[in-house]
ModelCIF file with pLDDT and N, C-alpha, C, O atoms, coordinates in Angstrom:
data_MODEL
#
_entry.id   MODEL 
#
_entity.id                         1 
_entity.type                       polymer 
_entity.pdbx_number_of_molecules   1 
#
_entity_poly.entity_id                      1 
_entity_poly.type                           'polypeptide(L)' 
_entity_poly.nstd_linkage                   no 
_entity_poly.nstd_monomer                   no 
_entity_poly.pdbx_seq_one_letter_code       TIPIGATAPQAAGVIHSDFERGFIRAEVYSV 
_entity_poly.pdbx_seq_one_letter_code_can   TIPIGATAPQAAGVIHSDFERGFIRAEVYSV 
_entity_poly.pdbx_strand_id                 A 
#
loop_
_entity_poly_seq.entity_id 
_entity_poly_seq.num 
_entity_poly_seq.mon_id 
_entity_poly_seq.hetero 
1 1  THR n 
1 2  ILE n 
1 3  PRO n 
1 4  ILE n 
1 5  GLY n 
1 6  ALA n 
1 7  THR n 
1 8  ALA n 
1 9  PRO n 
1 10 GLN n 
1 11 ALA n 
1 12 ALA n 
1 13 GLY n 
1 14 VAL n 
1 15 ILE n 
1 16 HIS n 
1 17 SER n 
1 18 ASP n 
1 19 PHE n 
1 20 GLU n 
1 21 ARG n 
1 22 GLY n 
1 23 PHE n 
1 24 ILE n 
1 25 ARG n 
1 26 ALA n 
1 27 GLU n 
1 28 VAL n 
1 29 TYR n 
1 30 SER n 
1 31 VAL n 
#
_struct_asym.id          A 
_struct_asym.entity_id   1 
#
loop_
_ma_qa_metric.id 
_ma_qa_metric.mode 
_ma_qa_metric.name 
_ma_qa_metric.software_group_id 
_ma_qa_metric.type 
1 global pLDDT . pLDDT 
2 local  pLDDT . pLDDT 
#
_ma_qa_metric_global.metric_id      1 
_ma_qa_metric_global.metric_value   96.87 
_ma_qa_metric_global.model_id       1 
_ma_qa_metric_global.ordinal_id     1 
#
loop_
_ma_qa_metric_local.label_asym_id 
_ma_qa_metric_local.label_comp_id 
_ma_qa_metric_local.label_seq_id 
_ma_qa_metric_local.metric_id 
_ma_qa_metric_local.metric_value 
_ma_qa_metric_local.model_id 
_ma_qa_metric_local.ordinal_id 
A THR 1  2 97.00 1 1  
A ILE 2  2 97.00 1 2  
A PRO 3  2 96.00 1 3  
A ILE 4  2 97.00 1 4  
A GLY 5  2 97.00 1 5  
A ALA 6  2 98.00 1 6  
A THR 7  2 98.00 1 7  
A ALA 8  2 98.00 1 8  
A PRO 9  2 98.00 1 9  
A GLN 10 2 98.00 1 10 
A ALA 11 2 98.00 1 11 
A ALA 12 2 97.00 1 12 
A GLY 13 2 97.00 1 13 
A VAL 14 2 97.00 1 14 
A ILE 15 2 96.00 1 15 
A HIS 16 2 95.00 1 16 
A SER 17 2 95.00 1 17 
A ASP 18 2 95.00 1 18 
A PHE 19 2 95.00 1 19 
A GLU 20 2 96.00 1 20 
A ARG 21 2 95.00 1 21 
A GLY 22 2 96.00 1 22 
A PHE 23 2 97.00 1 23 
A ILE 24 2 97.00 1 24 
A ARG 25 2 97.00 1 25 
A ALA 26 2 97.00 1 26 
A GLU 27 2 98.00 1 27 
A VAL 28 2 98.00 1 28 
A TYR 29 2 98.00 1 29 
A SER 30 2 97.00 1 30 
A VAL 31 2 98.00 1 31 
#
loop_
_atom_site.group_PDB 
_atom_site.id 
_atom_site.type_symbol 
_atom_site.label_atom_id 
_atom_site.label_alt_id 
_atom_site.label_comp_id 
_atom_site.label_asym_id 
_atom_site.label_entity_id 
_atom_site.label_seq_id 
_atom_site.pdbx_PDB_ins_code 
_atom_site.Cartn_x 
_atom_site.Cartn_y 
_atom_site.Cartn_z 
_atom_site.occupancy 
_atom_site.B_iso_or_equiv 
_atom_site.pdbx_formal_charge 
_atom_site.auth_seq_id 
_atom_site.auth_comp_id 
_atom_site.auth_asym_id 
_atom_site.auth_atom_id 
_atom_site.pdbx_PDB_model_num 
ATOM 1   N N  . THR A 1 1  ? -11.947 -86.334 22.739 1.00 97.00 ? 1  THR A N  1 
ATOM 2   C CA . THR A 1 1  ? -10.812 -87.128 22.266 1.00 97.00 ? 1  THR A CA 1 
ATOM 3   C C  . THR A 1 1  ? -11.130 -88.610 22.354 1.00 97.00 ? 1  THR A C  1 
ATOM 4   O O  . THR A 1 1  ? -11.559 -89.103 23.397 1.00 97.00 ? 1  THR A O  1 
ATOM 5   N N  . ILE A 1 2  ? -10.916 -89.318 21.245 1.00 97.00 ? 2  ILE A N  1 
ATOM 6   C CA . ILE A 1 2  ? -11.163 -90.760 21.195 1.00 97.00 ? 2  ILE A CA 1 
ATOM 7   C C  . ILE A 1 2  ? -10.043 -91.441 20.411 1.00 97.00 ? 2  ILE A C  1 
ATOM 8   O O  . ILE A 1 2  ? -9.367  -90.788 19.616 1.00 97.00 ? 2  ILE A O  1 
ATOM 9   N N  . PRO A 1 3  ? -9.837  -92.735 20.620 1.00 96.00 ? 3  PRO A N  1 
ATOM 10  C CA . PRO A 1 3  ? -8.867  -93.468 19.804 1.00 96.00 ? 3  PRO A CA 1 
ATOM 11  C C  . PRO A 1 3  ? -9.365  -93.620 18.378 1.00 96.00 ? 3  PRO A C  1 
ATOM 12  O O  . PRO A 1 3  ? -10.567 -93.758 18.149 1.00 96.00 ? 3  PRO A O  1 
ATOM 13  N N  . ILE A 1 4  ? -8.456  -93.597 17.425 1.00 97.00 ? 4  ILE A N  1 
ATOM 14  C CA . ILE A 1 4  ? -8.814  -93.918 16.046 1.00 97.00 ? 4  ILE A CA 1 
ATOM 15  C C  . ILE A 1 4  ? -9.345  -95.348 16.022 1.00 97.00 ? 4  ILE A C  1 
ATOM 16  O O  . ILE A 1 4  ? -8.723  -96.255 16.576 1.00 97.00 ? 4  ILE A O  1 
ATOM 17  N N  . GLY A 1 5  ? -10.484 -95.545 15.387 1.00 97.00 ? 5  GLY A N  1 
ATOM 18  C CA . GLY A 1 5  ? -11.098 -96.865 15.346 1.00 97.00 ? 5  GLY A CA 1 
ATOM 19  C C  . GLY A 1 5  ? -12.201 -97.061 16.361 1.00 97.00 ? 5  GLY A C  1 
ATOM 20  O O  . GLY A 1 5  ? -12.830 -98.119 16.386 1.00 97.00 ? 5  GLY A O  1 
ATOM 21  N N  . ALA A 1 6  ? -12.457 -96.054 17.214 1.00 98.00 ? 6  ALA A N  1 
ATOM 22  C CA . ALA A 1 6  ? -13.520 -96.164 18.212 1.00 98.00 ? 6  ALA A CA 1 
ATOM 23  C C  . ALA A 1 6  ? -14.879 -96.230 17.539 1.00 98.00 ? 6  ALA A C  1 
ATOM 24  O O  . ALA A 1 6  ? -15.107 -95.578 16.520 1.00 98.00 ? 6  ALA A O  1 
ATOM 25  N N  . THR A 1 7  ? -15.780 -97.015 18.107 1.00 98.00 ? 7  THR A N  1 
ATOM 26  C CA . THR A 1 7  ? -17.152 -97.097 17.603 1.00 98.00 ? 7  THR A CA 1 
ATOM 27  C C  . THR A 1 7  ? -17.975 -95.952 18.183 1.00 98.00 ? 7  THR A C  1 
ATOM 28  O O  . THR A 1 7  ? -17.547 -95.261 19.108 1.00 98.00 ? 7  THR A O  1 
ATOM 29  N N  . ALA A 1 8  ? -19.169 -95.769 17.615 1.00 98.00 ? 8  ALA A N  1 
ATOM 30  C CA . ALA A 1 8  ? -20.065 -94.717 18.105 1.00 98.00 ? 8  ALA A CA 1 
ATOM 31  C C  . ALA A 1 8  ? -20.404 -94.899 19.588 1.00 98.00 ? 8  ALA A C  1 
ATOM 32  O O  . ALA A 1 8  ? -20.347 -93.920 20.333 1.00 98.00 ? 8  ALA A O  1 
ATOM 33  N N  . PRO A 1 9  ? -20.759 -96.116 20.054 1.00 98.00 ? 9  PRO A N  1 
ATOM 34  C CA . PRO A 1 9  ? -21.020 -96.268 21.492 1.00 98.00 ? 9  PRO A CA 1 
ATOM 35  C C  . PRO A 1 9  ? -19.801 -95.950 22.354 1.00 98.00 ? 9  PRO A C  1 
ATOM 36  O O  . PRO A 1 9  ? -19.941 -95.354 23.422 1.00 98.00 ? 9  PRO A O  1 
ATOM 37  N N  . GLN A 1 10 ? -18.615 -96.337 21.911 1.00 98.00 ? 10 GLN A N  1 
ATOM 38  C CA . GLN A 1 10 ? -17.401 -96.022 22.671 1.00 98.00 ? 10 GLN A CA 1 
ATOM 39  C C  . GLN A 1 10 ? -17.173 -94.518 22.734 1.00 98.00 ? 10 GLN A C  1 
ATOM 40  O O  . GLN A 1 10 ? -16.770 -93.990 23.771 1.00 98.00 ? 10 GLN A O  1 
ATOM 41  N N  . ALA A 1 11 ? -17.429 -93.833 21.632 1.00 98.00 ? 11 ALA A N  1 
ATOM 42  C CA . ALA A 1 11 ? -17.287 -92.378 21.614 1.00 98.00 ? 11 ALA A CA 1 
ATOM 43  C C  . ALA A 1 11 ? -18.303 -91.740 22.550 1.00 98.00 ? 11 ALA A C  1 
ATOM 44  O O  . ALA A 1 11 ? -17.987 -90.776 23.248 1.00 98.00 ? 11 ALA A O  1 
ATOM 45  N N  . ALA A 1 12 ? -19.514 -92.269 22.568 1.00 97.00 ? 12 ALA A N  1 
ATOM 46  C CA . ALA A 1 12 ? -20.539 -91.753 23.475 1.00 97.00 ? 12 ALA A CA 1 
ATOM 47  C C  . ALA A 1 12 ? -20.126 -91.954 24.928 1.00 97.00 ? 12 ALA A C  1 
ATOM 48  O O  . ALA A 1 12 ? -20.418 -91.121 25.786 1.00 97.00 ? 12 ALA A O  1 
ATOM 49  N N  . GLY A 1 13 ? -19.451 -93.058 25.193 1.00 97.00 ? 13 GLY A N  1 
ATOM 50  C CA . GLY A 1 13 ? -19.009 -93.360 26.561 1.00 97.00 ? 13 GLY A CA 1 
ATOM 51  C C  . GLY A 1 13 ? -17.990 -92.384 27.100 1.00 97.00 ? 13 GLY A C  1 
ATOM 52  O O  . GLY A 1 13 ? -17.828 -92.268 28.315 1.00 97.00 ? 13 GLY A O  1 
ATOM 53  N N  . VAL A 1 14 ? -17.294 -91.673 26.212 1.00 97.00 ? 14 VAL A N  1 
ATOM 54  C CA . VAL A 1 14 ? -16.339 -90.654 26.651 1.00 97.00 ? 14 VAL A CA 1 
ATOM 55  C C  . VAL A 1 14 ? -17.080 -89.497 27.316 1.00 97.00 ? 14 VAL A C  1 
ATOM 56  O O  . VAL A 1 14 ? -16.553 -88.854 28.224 1.00 97.00 ? 14 VAL A O  1 
ATOM 57  N N  . ILE A 1 15 ? -18.309 -89.236 26.856 1.00 96.00 ? 15 ILE A N  1 
ATOM 58  C CA . ILE A 1 15 ? -19.136 -88.185 27.454 1.00 96.00 ? 15 ILE A CA 1 
ATOM 59  C C  . ILE A 1 15 ? -19.679 -88.657 28.804 1.00 96.00 ? 15 ILE A C  1 
ATOM 60  O O  . ILE A 1 15 ? -19.569 -87.959 29.811 1.00 96.00 ? 15 ILE A O  1 
ATOM 61  N N  . HIS A 1 16 ? -20.268 -89.859 28.803 1.00 95.00 ? 16 HIS A N  1 
ATOM 62  C CA . HIS A 1 16 ? -20.798 -90.429 30.040 1.00 95.00 ? 16 HIS A CA 1 
ATOM 63  C C  . HIS A 1 16 ? -20.998 -91.920 29.819 1.00 95.00 ? 16 HIS A C  1 
ATOM 64  O O  . HIS A 1 16 ? -21.414 -92.333 28.736 1.00 95.00 ? 16 HIS A O  1 
ATOM 65  N N  . SER A 1 17 ? -20.714 -92.722 30.812 1.00 95.00 ? 17 SER A N  1 
ATOM 66  C CA . SER A 1 17 ? -20.853 -94.173 30.665 1.00 95.00 ? 17 SER A CA 1 
ATOM 67  C C  . SER A 1 17 ? -22.293 -94.571 30.350 1.00 95.00 ? 17 SER A C  1 
ATOM 68  O O  . SER A 1 17 ? -22.521 -95.573 29.672 1.00 95.00 ? 17 SER A O  1 
ATOM 69  N N  . ASP A 1 18 ? -23.274 -93.791 30.838 1.00 95.00 ? 18 ASP A N  1 
ATOM 70  C CA . ASP A 1 18 ? -24.675 -94.105 30.525 1.00 95.00 ? 18 ASP A CA 1 
ATOM 71  C C  . ASP A 1 18 ? -24.957 -93.994 29.035 1.00 95.00 ? 18 ASP A C  1 
ATOM 72  O O  . ASP A 1 18 ? -25.785 -94.729 28.496 1.00 95.00 ? 18 ASP A O  1 
ATOM 73  N N  . PHE A 1 19 ? -24.257 -93.062 28.361 1.00 95.00 ? 19 PHE A N  1 
ATOM 74  C CA . PHE A 1 19 ? -24.455 -92.890 26.921 1.00 95.00 ? 19 PHE A CA 1 
ATOM 75  C C  . PHE A 1 19 ? -24.049 -94.154 26.169 1.00 95.00 ? 19 PHE A C  1 
ATOM 76  O O  . PHE A 1 19 ? -24.704 -94.550 25.205 1.00 95.00 ? 19 PHE A O  1 
ATOM 77  N N  . GLU A 1 20 ? -22.972 -94.778 26.614 1.00 96.00 ? 20 GLU A N  1 
ATOM 78  C CA . GLU A 1 20 ? -22.521 -96.009 25.954 1.00 96.00 ? 20 GLU A CA 1 
ATOM 79  C C  . GLU A 1 20 ? -23.444 -97.171 26.310 1.00 96.00 ? 20 GLU A C  1 
ATOM 80  O O  . GLU A 1 20 ? -23.816 -97.968 25.450 1.00 96.00 ? 20 GLU A O  1 
ATOM 81  N N  . ARG A 1 21 ? -23.803 -97.256 27.577 1.00 95.00 ? 21 ARG A N  1 
ATOM 82  C CA . ARG A 1 21 ? -24.635 -98.372 28.041 1.00 95.00 ? 21 ARG A CA 1 
ATOM 83  C C  . ARG A 1 21 ? -26.011 -98.357 27.380 1.00 95.00 ? 21 ARG A C  1 
ATOM 84  O O  . ARG A 1 21 ? -26.547 -99.405 27.020 1.00 95.00 ? 21 ARG A O  1 
ATOM 85  N N  . GLY A 1 22 ? -26.585 -97.148 27.222 1.00 96.00 ? 22 GLY A N  1 
ATOM 86  C CA . GLY A 1 22 ? -27.930 -97.059 26.657 1.00 96.00 ? 22 GLY A CA 1 
ATOM 87  C C  . GLY A 1 22 ? -27.971 -96.584 25.220 1.00 96.00 ? 22 GLY A C  1 
ATOM 88  O O  . GLY A 1 22 ? -28.999 -96.092 24.754 1.00 96.00 ? 22 GLY A O  1 
ATOM 89  N N  . PHE A 1 23 ? -26.858 -96.729 24.513 1.00 97.00 ? 23 PHE A N  1 
ATOM 90  C CA . PHE A 1 23 ? -26.757 -96.217 23.134 1.00 97.00 ? 23 PHE A CA 1 
ATOM 91  C C  . PHE A 1 23 ? -27.847 -96.801 22.242 1.00 97.00 ? 23 PHE A C  1 
ATOM 92  O O  . PHE A 1 23 ? -28.072 -98.011 22.217 1.00 97.00 ? 23 PHE A O  1 
ATOM 93  N N  . ILE A 1 24 ? -28.522 -95.907 21.506 1.00 97.00 ? 24 ILE A N  1 
ATOM 94  C CA . ILE A 1 24 ? -29.525 -96.345 20.521 1.00 97.00 ? 24 ILE A CA 1 
ATOM 95  C C  . ILE A 1 24 ? -29.002 -96.104 19.109 1.00 97.00 ? 24 ILE A C  1 
ATOM 96  O O  . ILE A 1 24 ? -28.906 -97.028 18.302 1.00 97.00 ? 24 ILE A O  1 
ATOM 97  N N  . ARG A 1 25 ? -28.665 -94.841 18.822 1.00 97.00 ? 25 ARG A N  1 
ATOM 98  C CA . ARG A 1 25 ? -28.112 -94.514 17.511 1.00 97.00 ? 25 ARG A CA 1 
ATOM 99  C C  . ARG A 1 25 ? -27.428 -93.148 17.587 1.00 97.00 ? 25 ARG A C  1 
ATOM 100 O O  . ARG A 1 25 ? -27.523 -92.440 18.590 1.00 97.00 ? 25 ARG A O  1 
ATOM 101 N N  . ALA A 1 26 ? -26.741 -92.802 16.505 1.00 97.00 ? 26 ALA A N  1 
ATOM 102 C CA . ALA A 1 26 ? -26.063 -91.505 16.430 1.00 97.00 ? 26 ALA A CA 1 
ATOM 103 C C  . ALA A 1 26 ? -26.452 -90.812 15.135 1.00 97.00 ? 26 ALA A C  1 
ATOM 104 O O  . ALA A 1 26 ? -26.511 -91.434 14.074 1.00 97.00 ? 26 ALA A O  1 
ATOM 105 N N  . GLU A 1 27 ? -26.713 -89.528 15.236 1.00 98.00 ? 27 GLU A N  1 
ATOM 106 C CA . GLU A 1 27 ? -26.927 -88.704 14.043 1.00 98.00 ? 27 GLU A CA 1 
ATOM 107 C C  . GLU A 1 27 ? -25.614 -87.983 13.764 1.00 98.00 ? 27 GLU A C  1 
ATOM 108 O O  . GLU A 1 27 ? -25.112 -87.249 14.616 1.00 98.00 ? 27 GLU A O  1 
ATOM 109 N N  . VAL A 1 28 ? -25.057 -88.190 12.573 1.00 98.00 ? 28 VAL A N  1 
ATOM 110 C CA . VAL A 1 28 ? -23.685 -87.771 12.296 1.00 98.00 ? 28 VAL A CA 1 
ATOM 111 C C  . VAL A 1 28 ? -23.592 -86.964 11.006 1.00 98.00 ? 28 VAL A C  1 
ATOM 112 O O  . VAL A 1 28 ? -24.210 -87.304 9.997  1.00 98.00 ? 28 VAL A O  1 
ATOM 113 N N  . TYR A 1 29 ? -22.816 -85.900 11.056 1.00 98.00 ? 29 TYR A N  1 
ATOM 114 C CA . TYR A 1 29 ? -22.393 -85.199 9.849  1.00 98.00 ? 29 TYR A CA 1 
ATOM 115 C C  . TYR A 1 29 ? -21.002 -84.644 10.112 1.00 98.00 ? 29 TYR A C  1 
ATOM 116 O O  . TYR A 1 29 ? -20.502 -84.753 11.232 1.00 98.00 ? 29 TYR A O  1 
ATOM 117 N N  . SER A 1 30 ? -20.371 -84.055 9.117  1.00 97.00 ? 30 SER A N  1 
ATOM 118 C CA . SER A 1 30 ? -18.989 -83.615 9.272  1.00 97.00 ? 30 SER A CA 1 
ATOM 119 C C  . SER A 1 30 ? -18.876 -82.095 9.321  1.00 97.00 ? 30 SER A C  1 
ATOM 120 O O  . SER A 1 30 ? -19.805 -81.379 8.949  1.00 97.00 ? 30 SER A O  1 
ATOM 121 N N  . VAL A 1 31 ? -17.726 -81.617 9.783  1.00 98.00 ? 31 VAL A N  1 
ATOM 122 C CA . VAL A 1 31 ? -17.455 -80.177 9.774  1.00 98.00 ? 31 VAL A CA 1 
ATOM 123 C C  . VAL A 1 31 ? -17.514 -79.652 8.338  1.00 98.00 ? 31 VAL A C  1 
ATOM 124 O O  . VAL A 1 31 ? -17.314 -78.460 8.107  1.00 98.00 ? 31 VAL A O  1 
#
């Protein structure tokens, strides 16, 4: 669960703060 408008690093931070701090990139596709 994330707020509408959250960035990829912010979304990663919901999993773990290290994910946001060390974010490099995201591979994304849709359902």
